[in-house]
Amino acid sequence: GKALSERELEILTLLADGLVKKQIAKQLEISYSTVDFHVRNIYEKLDVTNAPAAVNKAHRLRIFKIDDSNT
């Protein structure tokens, strides 16, 4: 899989927090279609079909920065 961009990582983190695309668009102040585009790229890069799977895979791959500090 290809590495996620900063924006994709940002969106994936919000998905992990349980936000839906509409809420993510509002929070990041970008359009819904832009969020949808990024989410599709995230799914494609992680080879998943939905948000929970993407989040699970991201944790397994230790994509989230929080996973680096197990102190």
Protein backbone atom coordinates (compact mmCIF):
# COMPACT_ATOMS: atom_id res chain seq x y z
CA GLY A 1 0.00 0.00 0.00
CA LYS A 2 0.98 3.58 -0.64
CA ALA A 3 1.58 5.97 2.24
CA LEU A 4 -1.28 8.21 3.28
CA SER A 5 -0.97 11.96 2.84
CA GLU A 6 -1.18 14.31 5.82
CA ARG A 7 -4.77 15.18 4.89
CA GLU A 8 -5.74 11.54 4.50
CA LEU A 9 -4.21 10.78 7.88
CA GLU A 10 -6.16 13.68 9.39
CA ILE A 11 -9.41 12.35 7.94
CA LEU A 12 -8.66 8.78 8.97
CA THR A 13 -8.03 9.97 12.52
CA LEU A 14 -11.43 11.68 12.57
CA LEU A 15 -13.05 8.52 11.20
CA ALA A 16 -11.36 6.67 14.06
CA ASP A 17 -12.96 9.13 16.46
CA GLY A 18 -16.33 8.07 15.06
CA LEU A 19 -17.08 11.08 12.91
CA VAL A 20 -19.03 10.64 9.69
CA LYS A 21 -18.00 12.28 6.42
CA LYS A 22 -20.47 15.14 6.85
CA GLN A 23 -19.01 16.00 10.26
CA ILE A 24 -15.46 15.71 8.96
CA ALA A 25 -16.26 18.14 6.15
CA LYS A 26 -17.63 20.62 8.67
CA GLN A 27 -14.69 20.26 11.07
CA LEU A 28 -12.00 20.59 8.38
CA GLU A 29 -14.02 23.24 6.54
CA ILE A 30 -13.84 21.43 3.22
CA SER A 31 -16.65 20.18 1.01
CA TYR A 32 -18.35 16.83 1.48
CA SER A 33 -17.22 15.72 -1.96
CA THR A 34 -13.60 16.49 -1.05
CA VAL A 35 -13.92 14.37 2.09
CA ASP A 36 -15.55 11.63 0.03
CA PHE A 37 -12.66 11.77 -2.45
CA HIS A 38 -10.06 11.49 0.32
CA VAL A 39 -11.93 8.68 2.06
CA ARG A 40 -12.08 6.72 -1.19
CA ASN A 41 -8.32 7.15 -1.60
CA ILE A 42 -7.77 6.01 1.99
CA TYR A 43 -9.85 2.86 1.40
CA GLU A 44 -8.00 2.17 -1.83
CA LYS A 45 -4.57 2.63 -0.26
CA LEU A 46 -5.45 0.47 2.75
CA ASP A 47 -7.35 -2.03 0.59
CA VAL A 48 -10.55 -1.84 2.66
CA THR A 49 -14.19 -1.06 1.92
CA ASN A 50 -15.45 0.79 4.99
CA ALA A 51 -14.40 3.08 7.83
CA PRO A 52 -14.18 0.49 10.64
CA ALA A 53 -11.95 -1.71 8.48
CA ALA A 54 -9.78 1.27 7.57
CA VAL A 55 -9.42 2.24 11.23
CA ASN A 56 -8.60 -1.34 12.27
CA LYS A 57 -6.01 -1.69 9.55
CA ALA A 58 -4.47 1.68 10.40
CA HIS A 59 -4.04 0.54 14.01
CA ARG A 60 -2.48 -2.74 12.87
CA LEU A 61 -0.10 -0.90 10.56
CA ARG A 62 0.59 1.62 13.34
CA ILE A 63 -0.32 4.51 11.08
CA PHE A 64 -1.63 6.64 13.94
CA LYS A 65 1.03 8.75 15.61
CA ILE A 66 -0.41 8.02 19.06
CA ASP A 67 0.66 4.39 18.66
CA ASP A 68 4.30 5.47 18.71
CA SER A 69 4.21 6.60 22.34
CA ASN A 70 3.40 3.53 24.40
CA THR A 71 4.72 5.04 27.61
